[in-house]
């Protein structure tokens, strides 16, 4: 056997070992997609599927379908959450979802500060920090989204931008509460564009974010906050992205809408 073949075999075994042992968070963000019939079909396919015990599986559907998730995933490993909520228990906030309603339907997670919320609905860091706070206070795990646009990326000021989003988003969180936070890095220029950050770019950014978290919040907490990557993640690239350092999992958009594709991603991240 030639040296190159031996090196390839060794690499294959190392990759397989990493994927079989490292725990990943796999979160699907459905955004404003799917009919009731499509949701039922999807849930029927995944409710009893064996995702394994290693990874954490989360789906955030449109709010009107939460009752279907509560019903069909009652005994499933698949967890679910909401794509946004308002930091009030109730009141005159037309069109908003309260954290109490989210909890009432069994939502365990909330995606907060997604770039589409920031850009289309002009959500600011102060409002997002209030949402993060209300989630932590009420046993809903916030997935705080951060990310830069192409102009910031090309101008090389994106690191300051990302640090600012984290510091302001977590302004109302301190101490052991930080252990209840998930951060999702999504380069805006790679969301829904078909353009994916290279594994090298992802690793470089995630390692920078990890170093910042440790510096800002201490080694014990900063080293354990999960860092998800999002941005055109699909079966063809998820393995290489998963091997990047400091990647704890993925926030997946379009590829989470198809049950077979979603299951395939989990299979890959199980080392199968």
C-alpha atoms as a PDB file:
ATOM      1  CA  UNK A   1       0.000   0.000   0.000  1.00  0.00           C
ATOM      2  CA  UNK A   2       1.354   3.406  -0.957  1.00  0.00           C
ATOM      3  CA  UNK A   3       1.958   6.164   1.563  1.00  0.00           C
ATOM      4  CA  UNK A   4      -0.806   8.321   0.128  1.00  0.00           C
ATOM      5  CA  UNK A   5      -3.312   5.482   0.515  1.00  0.00           C
ATOM      6  CA  UNK A   6      -2.203   4.900   4.108  1.00  0.00           C
ATOM      7  CA  UNK A   7      -2.550   8.616   4.903  1.00  0.00           C
ATOM      8  CA  UNK A   8      -6.051   8.633   3.387  1.00  0.00           C
ATOM      9  CA  UNK A   9      -7.092   5.610   5.456  1.00  0.00           C
ATOM     10  CA  UNK A  10      -5.769   7.227   8.626  1.00  0.00           C
ATOM     11  CA  UNK A  11      -7.586  10.479   7.864  1.00  0.00           C
ATOM     12  CA  UNK A  12     -10.816   8.605   7.133  1.00  0.00           C
ATOM     13  CA  UNK A  13     -10.633   6.824  10.493  1.00  0.00           C
ATOM     14  CA  UNK A  14      -9.822  10.048  12.341  1.00  0.00           C
ATOM     15  CA  UNK A  15     -12.750  11.865  10.711  1.00  0.00           C
ATOM     16  CA  UNK A  16     -15.079   8.976  11.493  1.00  0.00           C
ATOM     17  CA  UNK A  17     -13.946   8.965  15.126  1.00  0.00           C
ATOM     18  CA  UNK A  18     -14.527  12.727  15.497  1.00  0.00           C
ATOM     19  CA  UNK A  19     -18.007  12.529  14.016  1.00  0.00           C
ATOM     20  CA  UNK A  20     -18.952   9.501  16.096  1.00  0.00           C
ATOM     21  CA  UNK A  21     -17.825  11.017  19.394  1.00  0.00           C
ATOM     22  CA  UNK A  22     -18.397  14.783  19.184  1.00  0.00           C
ATOM     23  CA  UNK A  23     -21.845  15.981  20.171  1.00  0.00           C
ATOM     24  CA  UNK A  24     -23.509  18.404  17.766  1.00  0.00           C
ATOM     25  CA  UNK A  25     -26.561  20.657  17.946  1.00  0.00           C
ATOM     26  CA  UNK A  26     -28.592  20.410  14.734  1.00  0.00           C
ATOM     27  CA  UNK A  27     -31.199  23.194  14.615  1.00  0.00           C
ATOM     28  CA  UNK A  28     -33.579  23.687  11.711  1.00  0.00           C
ATOM     29  CA  UNK A  29     -35.033  27.131  11.032  1.00  0.00           C
ATOM     30  CA  UNK A  30     -38.057  26.747   8.768  1.00  0.00           C
ATOM     31  CA  UNK A  31     -38.660  30.496   8.500  1.00  0.00           C
ATOM     32  CA  UNK A  32     -42.008  31.252   6.743  1.00  0.00           C
ATOM     33  CA  UNK A  33     -42.378  27.924   4.928  1.00  0.00           C
ATOM     34  CA  UNK A  34     -44.587  24.820   4.728  1.00  0.00           C
ATOM     35  CA  UNK A  35     -48.328  24.141   4.654  1.00  0.00           C
ATOM     36  CA  UNK A  36     -50.120  22.230   7.403  1.00  0.00           C
ATOM     37  CA  UNK A  37     -50.163  19.110   5.230  1.00  0.00           C
ATOM     38  CA  UNK A  38     -46.405  19.390   4.629  1.00  0.00           C
ATOM     39  CA  UNK A  39     -45.736  19.831   8.338  1.00  0.00           C
ATOM     40  CA  UNK A  40     -47.764  16.747   9.230  1.00  0.00           C
ATOM     41  CA  UNK A  41     -45.953  14.710   6.590  1.00  0.00           C
ATOM     42  CA  UNK A  42     -42.551  15.885   7.863  1.00  0.00           C
ATOM     43  CA  UNK A  43     -43.375  15.146  11.497  1.00  0.00           C
ATOM     44  CA  UNK A  44     -44.754  11.700  10.670  1.00  0.00           C
ATOM     45  CA  UNK A  45     -41.404  10.915   9.047  1.00  0.00           C
ATOM     46  CA  UNK A  46     -39.157  12.140  11.872  1.00  0.00           C
ATOM     47  CA  UNK A  47     -41.218  11.509  15.013  1.00  0.00           C
ATOM     48  CA  UNK A  48     -40.116   7.897  15.399  1.00  0.00           C
ATOM     49  CA  UNK A  49     -36.840   8.133  13.526  1.00  0.00           C
ATOM     50  CA  UNK A  50     -33.741   6.986  15.390  1.00  0.00           C
ATOM     51  CA  UNK A  51     -31.511  10.064  15.450  1.00  0.00           C
ATOM     52  CA  UNK A  52     -29.176   8.412  17.956  1.00  0.00           C
ATOM     53  CA  UNK A  53     -28.381   9.651  21.439  1.00  0.00           C
ATOM     54  CA  UNK A  54     -25.424  11.924  20.698  1.00  0.00           C
ATOM     55  CA  UNK A  55     -26.792  14.953  18.868  1.00  0.00           C
ATOM     56  CA  UNK A  56     -29.420  17.479  19.954  1.00  0.00           C
ATOM     57  CA  UNK A  57     -32.128  17.854  17.296  1.00  0.00           C
ATOM     58  CA  UNK A  58     -34.171  21.080  17.203  1.00  0.00           C
ATOM     59  CA  UNK A  59     -36.694  22.482  14.743  1.00  0.00           C
ATOM     60  CA  UNK A  60     -38.189  25.988  14.786  1.00  0.00           C
ATOM     61  CA  UNK A  61     -41.409  26.004  12.708  1.00  0.00           C
ATOM     62  CA  UNK A  62     -43.761  28.897  11.964  1.00  0.00           C
ATOM     63  CA  UNK A  63     -45.748  29.616  15.129  1.00  0.00           C
ATOM     64  CA  UNK A  64     -49.173  28.381  13.888  1.00  0.00           C
ATOM     65  CA  UNK A  65     -47.781  24.845  13.632  1.00  0.00           C
ATOM     66  CA  UNK A  66     -46.548  24.612  17.218  1.00  0.00           C
ATOM     67  CA  UNK A  67     -49.643  22.635  18.198  1.00  0.00           C
ATOM     68  CA  UNK A  68     -48.707  19.938  15.681  1.00  0.00           C
ATOM     69  CA  UNK A  69     -45.207  19.707  17.135  1.00  0.00           C
ATOM     70  CA  UNK A  70     -46.607  19.478  20.654  1.00  0.00           C
ATOM     71  CA  UNK A  71     -48.876  16.635  19.560  1.00  0.00           C
ATOM     72  CA  UNK A  72     -46.649  14.607  17.251  1.00  0.00           C
ATOM     73  CA  UNK A  73     -43.296  14.998  19.015  1.00  0.00           C
ATOM     74  CA  UNK A  74     -44.578  14.244  22.497  1.00  0.00           C
ATOM     75  CA  UNK A  75     -42.467  11.087  22.783  1.00  0.00           C
ATOM     76  CA  UNK A  76     -39.791  11.981  20.249  1.00  0.00           C
ATOM     77  CA  UNK A  77     -36.132  12.920  20.699  1.00  0.00           C
ATOM     78  CA  UNK A  78     -36.767  15.890  18.400  1.00  0.00           C
ATOM     79  CA  UNK A  79     -37.090  19.160  20.312  1.00  0.00           C
ATOM     80  CA  UNK A  80     -38.589  22.364  18.977  1.00  0.00           C
ATOM     81  CA  UNK A  81     -38.662  26.079  19.474  1.00  0.00           C
ATOM     82  CA  UNK A  82     -39.791  29.384  18.048  1.00  0.00           C
ATOM     83  CA  UNK A  83     -38.188  31.737  15.539  1.00  0.00           C
ATOM     84  CA  UNK A  84     -38.833  34.832  17.613  1.00  0.00           C
ATOM     85  CA  UNK A  85     -40.758  36.026  20.656  1.00  0.00           C
ATOM     86  CA  UNK A  86     -41.610  39.223  22.479  1.00  0.00           C
ATOM     87  CA  UNK A  87     -40.197  39.811  25.986  1.00  0.00           C
ATOM     88  CA  UNK A  88     -43.576  40.259  27.674  1.00  0.00           C
ATOM     89  CA  UNK A  89     -45.975  37.825  29.301  1.00  0.00           C
ATOM     90  CA  UNK A  90     -49.035  39.348  27.621  1.00  0.00           C
ATOM     91  CA  UNK A  91     -50.454  42.677  26.558  1.00  0.00           C
ATOM     92  CA  UNK A  92     -51.259  44.966  23.648  1.00  0.00           C
ATOM     93  CA  UNK A  93     -48.517  43.811  21.276  1.00  0.00           C
ATOM     94  CA  UNK A  94     -50.395  43.023  18.097  1.00  0.00           C
ATOM     95  CA  UNK A  95     -48.854  40.275  16.001  1.00  0.00           C
ATOM     96  CA  UNK A  96     -46.251  39.233  18.572  1.00  0.00           C
ATOM     97  CA  UNK A  97     -45.694  35.897  20.328  1.00  0.00           C
ATOM     98  CA  UNK A  98     -45.260  35.948  24.096  1.00  0.00           C
ATOM     99  CA  UNK A  99     -42.780  33.754  25.899  1.00  0.00           C
ATOM    100  CA  UNK A 100     -45.685  32.326  27.918  1.00  0.00           C
ATOM    101  CA  UNK A 101     -47.418  31.143  24.731  1.00  0.00           C
ATOM    102  CA  UNK A 102     -44.170  29.596  23.486  1.00  0.00           C
ATOM    103  CA  UNK A 103     -43.790  27.723  26.780  1.00  0.00           C
ATOM    104  CA  UNK A 104     -47.451  26.714  26.760  1.00  0.00           C
ATOM    105  CA  UNK A 105     -46.877  24.847  23.485  1.00  0.00           C
ATOM    106  CA  UNK A 106     -43.747  23.147  24.781  1.00  0.00           C
ATOM    107  CA  UNK A 107     -41.118  25.231  22.981  1.00  0.00           C
ATOM    108  CA  UNK A 108     -37.701  24.746  24.574  1.00  0.00           C
ATOM    109  CA  UNK A 109     -35.684  27.066  22.311  1.00  0.00           C
ATOM    110  CA  UNK A 110     -35.996  30.508  20.734  1.00  0.00           C
ATOM    111  CA  UNK A 111     -34.014  31.860  17.781  1.00  0.00           C
ATOM    112  CA  UNK A 112     -33.265  35.492  18.588  1.00  0.00           C
ATOM    113  CA  UNK A 113     -31.596  38.288  16.644  1.00  0.00           C
ATOM    114  CA  UNK A 114     -31.594  36.508  13.301  1.00  0.00           C
ATOM    115  CA  UNK A 115     -30.239  38.771  10.556  1.00  0.00           C
ATOM    116  CA  UNK A 116     -33.650  38.827   8.875  1.00  0.00           C
ATOM    117  CA  UNK A 117     -35.203  40.135  12.089  1.00  0.00           C
ATOM    118  CA  UNK A 118     -32.451  42.723  12.419  1.00  0.00           C
ATOM    119  CA  UNK A 119     -32.584  43.861   8.786  1.00  0.00           C
ATOM    120  CA  UNK A 120     -36.249  43.512   7.806  1.00  0.00           C
ATOM    121  CA  UNK A 121     -37.835  44.408  11.134  1.00  0.00           C
ATOM    122  CA  UNK A 122     -35.099  46.718  12.451  1.00  0.00           C
ATOM    123  CA  UNK A 123     -34.557  44.845  15.703  1.00  0.00           C
ATOM    124  CA  UNK A 124     -31.798  46.424  17.763  1.00  0.00           C
ATOM    125  CA  UNK A 125     -29.349  44.832  20.188  1.00  0.00           C
ATOM    126  CA  UNK A 126     -31.181  46.315  23.183  1.00  0.00           C
ATOM    127  CA  UNK A 127     -34.460  44.615  22.268  1.00  0.00           C
ATOM    128  CA  UNK A 128     -32.662  41.359  21.479  1.00  0.00           C
ATOM    129  CA  UNK A 129     -30.926  41.444  24.880  1.00  0.00           C
ATOM    130  CA  UNK A 130     -34.323  41.761  26.571  1.00  0.00           C
ATOM    131  CA  UNK A 131     -35.531  38.711  24.659  1.00  0.00           C
ATOM    132  CA  UNK A 132     -32.443  36.756  25.689  1.00  0.00           C
ATOM    133  CA  UNK A 133     -33.041  37.727  29.314  1.00  0.00           C
ATOM    134  CA  UNK A 134     -36.701  36.741  29.363  1.00  0.00           C
ATOM    135  CA  UNK A 135     -35.860  33.364  27.815  1.00  0.00           C
ATOM    136  CA  UNK A 136     -33.202  32.540  30.401  1.00  0.00           C
ATOM    137  CA  UNK A 137     -35.588  33.549  33.179  1.00  0.00           C
ATOM    138  CA  UNK A 138     -38.255  31.198  31.845  1.00  0.00           C
ATOM    139  CA  UNK A 139     -36.318  28.049  30.929  1.00  0.00           C
ATOM    140  CA  UNK A 140     -36.279  28.703  27.185  1.00  0.00           C
ATOM    141  CA  UNK A 141     -32.823  28.342  25.662  1.00  0.00           C
ATOM    142  CA  UNK A 142     -32.001  31.371  23.503  1.00  0.00           C
ATOM    143  CA  UNK A 143     -30.096  30.859  20.254  1.00  0.00           C
ATOM    144  CA  UNK A 144     -28.513  34.282  19.811  1.00  0.00           C
ATOM    145  CA  UNK A 145     -27.714  34.936  16.151  1.00  0.00           C
ATOM    146  CA  UNK A 146     -24.807  37.107  15.098  1.00  0.00           C
ATOM    147  CA  UNK A 147     -23.329  37.791  11.684  1.00  0.00           C
ATOM    148  CA  UNK A 148     -21.815  40.304   9.293  1.00  0.00           C
ATOM    149  CA  UNK A 149     -22.749  41.464   5.814  1.00  0.00           C
ATOM    150  CA  UNK A 150     -20.414  41.386   2.840  1.00  0.00           C
ATOM    151  CA  UNK A 151     -19.339  45.029   3.215  1.00  0.00           C
ATOM    152  CA  UNK A 152     -18.222  44.463   6.806  1.00  0.00           C
ATOM    153  CA  UNK A 153     -16.487  41.258   5.830  1.00  0.00           C
ATOM    154  CA  UNK A 154     -14.562  42.830   2.990  1.00  0.00           C
ATOM    155  CA  UNK A 155     -13.675  45.819   5.135  1.00  0.00           C
ATOM    156  CA  UNK A 156     -12.233  43.506   7.785  1.00  0.00           C
ATOM    157  CA  UNK A 157     -14.172  45.224  10.560  1.00  0.00           C
ATOM    158  CA  UNK A 158     -16.491  42.249  10.997  1.00  0.00           C
ATOM    159  CA  UNK A 159     -14.758  41.015  14.164  1.00  0.00           C
ATOM    160  CA  UNK A 160     -15.597  44.196  16.065  1.00  0.00           C
ATOM    161  CA  UNK A 161     -19.145  43.919  14.745  1.00  0.00           C
ATOM    162  CA  UNK A 162     -19.496  40.337  15.998  1.00  0.00           C
ATOM    163  CA  UNK A 163     -18.020  41.159  19.401  1.00  0.00           C
ATOM    164  CA  UNK A 164     -20.452  44.045  19.739  1.00  0.00           C
ATOM    165  CA  UNK A 165     -23.448  41.856  18.903  1.00  0.00           C
ATOM    166  CA  UNK A 166     -22.425  39.319  21.540  1.00  0.00           C
ATOM    167  CA  UNK A 167     -21.654  41.857  24.273  1.00  0.00           C
ATOM    168  CA  UNK A 168     -24.879  43.784  23.751  1.00  0.00           C
ATOM    169  CA  UNK A 169     -26.997  40.674  23.192  1.00  0.00           C
ATOM    170  CA  UNK A 170     -25.759  39.171  26.474  1.00  0.00           C
ATOM    171  CA  UNK A 171     -25.745  42.459  28.380  1.00  0.00           C
ATOM    172  CA  UNK A 172     -28.478  41.263  30.741  1.00  0.00           C
ATOM    173  CA  UNK A 173     -26.924  37.820  31.301  1.00  0.00           C
ATOM    174  CA  UNK A 174     -24.211  37.062  33.834  1.00  0.00           C
ATOM    175  CA  UNK A 175     -22.578  34.292  35.825  1.00  0.00           C
ATOM    176  CA  UNK A 176     -23.910  30.769  35.459  1.00  0.00           C
ATOM    177  CA  UNK A 177     -26.753  32.066  33.295  1.00  0.00           C
ATOM    178  CA  UNK A 178     -24.251  32.087  30.433  1.00  0.00           C
ATOM    179  CA  UNK A 179     -24.308  28.282  30.480  1.00  0.00           C
ATOM    180  CA  UNK A 180     -27.894  28.496  29.184  1.00  0.00           C
ATOM    181  CA  UNK A 181     -26.959  30.387  26.006  1.00  0.00           C
ATOM    182  CA  UNK A 182     -26.322  29.182  22.457  1.00  0.00           C
ATOM    183  CA  UNK A 183     -24.673  31.469  19.905  1.00  0.00           C
ATOM    184  CA  UNK A 184     -25.176  30.983  16.162  1.00  0.00           C
ATOM    185  CA  UNK A 185     -22.749  32.628  13.765  1.00  0.00           C
ATOM    186  CA  UNK A 186     -24.302  33.256  10.353  1.00  0.00           C
ATOM    187  CA  UNK A 187     -22.386  35.316   7.804  1.00  0.00           C
ATOM    188  CA  UNK A 188     -25.227  37.218   6.142  1.00  0.00           C
ATOM    189  CA  UNK A 189     -23.530  36.937   2.775  1.00  0.00           C
ATOM    190  CA  UNK A 190     -23.917  33.134   3.010  1.00  0.00           C
ATOM    191  CA  UNK A 191     -27.594  32.885   4.019  1.00  0.00           C
ATOM    192  CA  UNK A 192     -29.874  31.665   1.261  1.00  0.00           C
ATOM    193  CA  UNK A 193     -27.355  32.674  -1.386  1.00  0.00           C
ATOM    194  CA  UNK A 194     -25.916  29.258  -2.107  1.00  0.00           C
ATOM    195  CA  UNK A 195     -22.524  30.701  -1.142  1.00  0.00           C
ATOM    196  CA  UNK A 196     -20.963  28.985   1.828  1.00  0.00           C
ATOM    197  CA  UNK A 197     -18.086  30.189   3.932  1.00  0.00           C
ATOM    198  CA  UNK A 198     -15.154  27.827   3.478  1.00  0.00           C
ATOM    199  CA  UNK A 199     -14.270  25.511   6.363  1.00  0.00           C
ATOM    200  CA  UNK A 200     -11.139  27.603   6.833  1.00  0.00           C
ATOM    201  CA  UNK A 201     -13.181  30.824   7.119  1.00  0.00           C
ATOM    202  CA  UNK A 202     -15.598  29.154   9.529  1.00  0.00           C
ATOM    203  CA  UNK A 203     -12.786  27.801  11.684  1.00  0.00           C
ATOM    204  CA  UNK A 204     -10.973  31.118  11.775  1.00  0.00           C
ATOM    205  CA  UNK A 205     -14.108  33.000  12.817  1.00  0.00           C
ATOM    206  CA  UNK A 206     -15.257  30.410  15.341  1.00  0.00           C
ATOM    207  CA  UNK A 207     -11.826  30.239  16.955  1.00  0.00           C
ATOM    208  CA  UNK A 208     -11.810  34.031  17.212  1.00  0.00           C
ATOM    209  CA  UNK A 209     -15.292  33.955  18.778  1.00  0.00           C
ATOM    210  CA  UNK A 210     -14.229  31.246  21.227  1.00  0.00           C
ATOM    211  CA  UNK A 211     -11.188  33.251  22.295  1.00  0.00           C
ATOM    212  CA  UNK A 212     -13.369  36.324  22.742  1.00  0.00           C
ATOM    213  CA  UNK A 213     -15.911  34.419  24.864  1.00  0.00           C
ATOM    214  CA  UNK A 214     -13.159  33.066  27.100  1.00  0.00           C
ATOM    215  CA  UNK A 215     -11.602  36.490  27.478  1.00  0.00           C
ATOM    216  CA  UNK A 216     -14.949  38.178  28.145  1.00  0.00           C
ATOM    217  CA  UNK A 217     -16.684  35.603  30.354  1.00  0.00           C
ATOM    218  CA  UNK A 218     -13.886  33.440  31.742  1.00  0.00           C
ATOM    219  CA  UNK A 219     -12.546  30.049  30.736  1.00  0.00           C
ATOM    220  CA  UNK A 220     -15.129  27.915  32.550  1.00  0.00           C
ATOM    221  CA  UNK A 221     -18.116  29.528  30.832  1.00  0.00           C
ATOM    222  CA  UNK A 222     -16.560  30.969  27.680  1.00  0.00           C
ATOM    223  CA  UNK A 223     -15.135  27.626  26.620  1.00  0.00           C
ATOM    224  CA  UNK A 224     -18.458  25.803  26.878  1.00  0.00           C
ATOM    225  CA  UNK A 225     -21.003  28.138  25.222  1.00  0.00           C
ATOM    226  CA  UNK A 226     -22.058  26.294  22.037  1.00  0.00           C
ATOM    227  CA  UNK A 227     -21.118  28.012  18.773  1.00  0.00           C
ATOM    228  CA  UNK A 228     -23.308  27.017  15.838  1.00  0.00           C
ATOM    229  CA  UNK A 229     -22.586  27.815  12.206  1.00  0.00           C
ATOM    230  CA  UNK A 230     -25.327  28.751   9.762  1.00  0.00           C
ATOM    231  CA  UNK A 231     -25.198  29.630   6.101  1.00  0.00           C
ATOM    232  CA  UNK A 232     -26.189  27.309   3.216  1.00  0.00           C
ATOM    233  CA  UNK A 233     -25.383  24.181   5.248  1.00  0.00           C
ATOM    234  CA  UNK A 234     -26.276  20.967   3.407  1.00  0.00           C
ATOM    235  CA  UNK A 235     -25.238  17.299   3.291  1.00  0.00           C
ATOM    236  CA  UNK A 236     -22.493  17.971   0.746  1.00  0.00           C
ATOM    237  CA  UNK A 237     -20.582  20.386   3.009  1.00  0.00           C
ATOM    238  CA  UNK A 238     -21.617  19.621   6.583  1.00  0.00           C
ATOM    239  CA  UNK A 239     -18.857  17.066   7.206  1.00  0.00           C
ATOM    240  CA  UNK A 240     -16.053  19.467   6.306  1.00  0.00           C
ATOM    241  CA  UNK A 241     -17.689  22.261   8.301  1.00  0.00           C
ATOM    242  CA  UNK A 242     -18.113  19.955  11.296  1.00  0.00           C
ATOM    243  CA  UNK A 243     -14.383  19.262  11.343  1.00  0.00           C
ATOM    244  CA  UNK A 244     -13.591  22.963  11.755  1.00  0.00           C
ATOM    245  CA  UNK A 245     -12.458  23.782  15.281  1.00  0.00           C
ATOM    246  CA  UNK A 246     -14.939  25.345  17.732  1.00  0.00           C
ATOM    247  CA  UNK A 247     -18.003  24.352  15.681  1.00  0.00           C
ATOM    248  CA  UNK A 248     -20.602  22.948  18.088  1.00  0.00           C
ATOM    249  CA  UNK A 249     -23.336  22.404  15.533  1.00  0.00           C
ATOM    250  CA  UNK A 250     -25.417  24.074  12.868  1.00  0.00           C
ATOM    251  CA  UNK A 251     -28.381  26.376  12.332  1.00  0.00           C
ATOM    252  CA  UNK A 252     -29.844  25.069   9.083  1.00  0.00           C
ATOM    253  CA  UNK A 253     -32.325  26.803   6.801  1.00  0.00           C
ATOM    254  CA  UNK A 254     -33.429  25.322   3.484  1.00  0.00           C
ATOM    255  CA  UNK A 255     -31.871  21.898   4.064  1.00  0.00           C
ATOM    256  CA  UNK A 256     -34.020  21.436   7.193  1.00  0.00           C
ATOM    257  CA  UNK A 257     -37.273  21.638   5.224  1.00  0.00           C
ATOM    258  CA  UNK A 258     -36.877  18.189   3.687  1.00  0.00           C
ATOM    259  CA  UNK A 259     -37.113  15.336   6.199  1.00  0.00           C
ATOM    260  CA  UNK A 260     -34.793  13.023   4.256  1.00  0.00           C
ATOM    261  CA  UNK A 261     -32.131  15.722   3.911  1.00  0.00           C
ATOM    262  CA  UNK A 262     -32.424  16.675   7.573  1.00  0.00           C
ATOM    263  CA  UNK A 263     -32.009  13.048   8.614  1.00  0.00           C
ATOM    264  CA  UNK A 264     -29.075  12.666   6.237  1.00  0.00           C
ATOM    265  CA  UNK A 265     -27.281  15.592   7.889  1.00  0.00           C
ATOM    266  CA  UNK A 266     -27.726  13.947  11.273  1.00  0.00           C
ATOM    267  CA  UNK A 267     -26.468  10.637   9.897  1.00  0.00           C
ATOM    268  CA  UNK A 268     -23.327  12.339   8.608  1.00  0.00           C
ATOM    269  CA  UNK A 269     -22.782  14.006  11.973  1.00  0.00           C
ATOM    270  CA  UNK A 270     -23.133  10.598  13.621  1.00  0.00           C
ATOM    271  CA  UNK A 271     -20.251   9.321  11.503  1.00  0.00           C
ATOM    272  CA  UNK A 272     -22.478   7.061   9.408  1.00  0.00           C
END
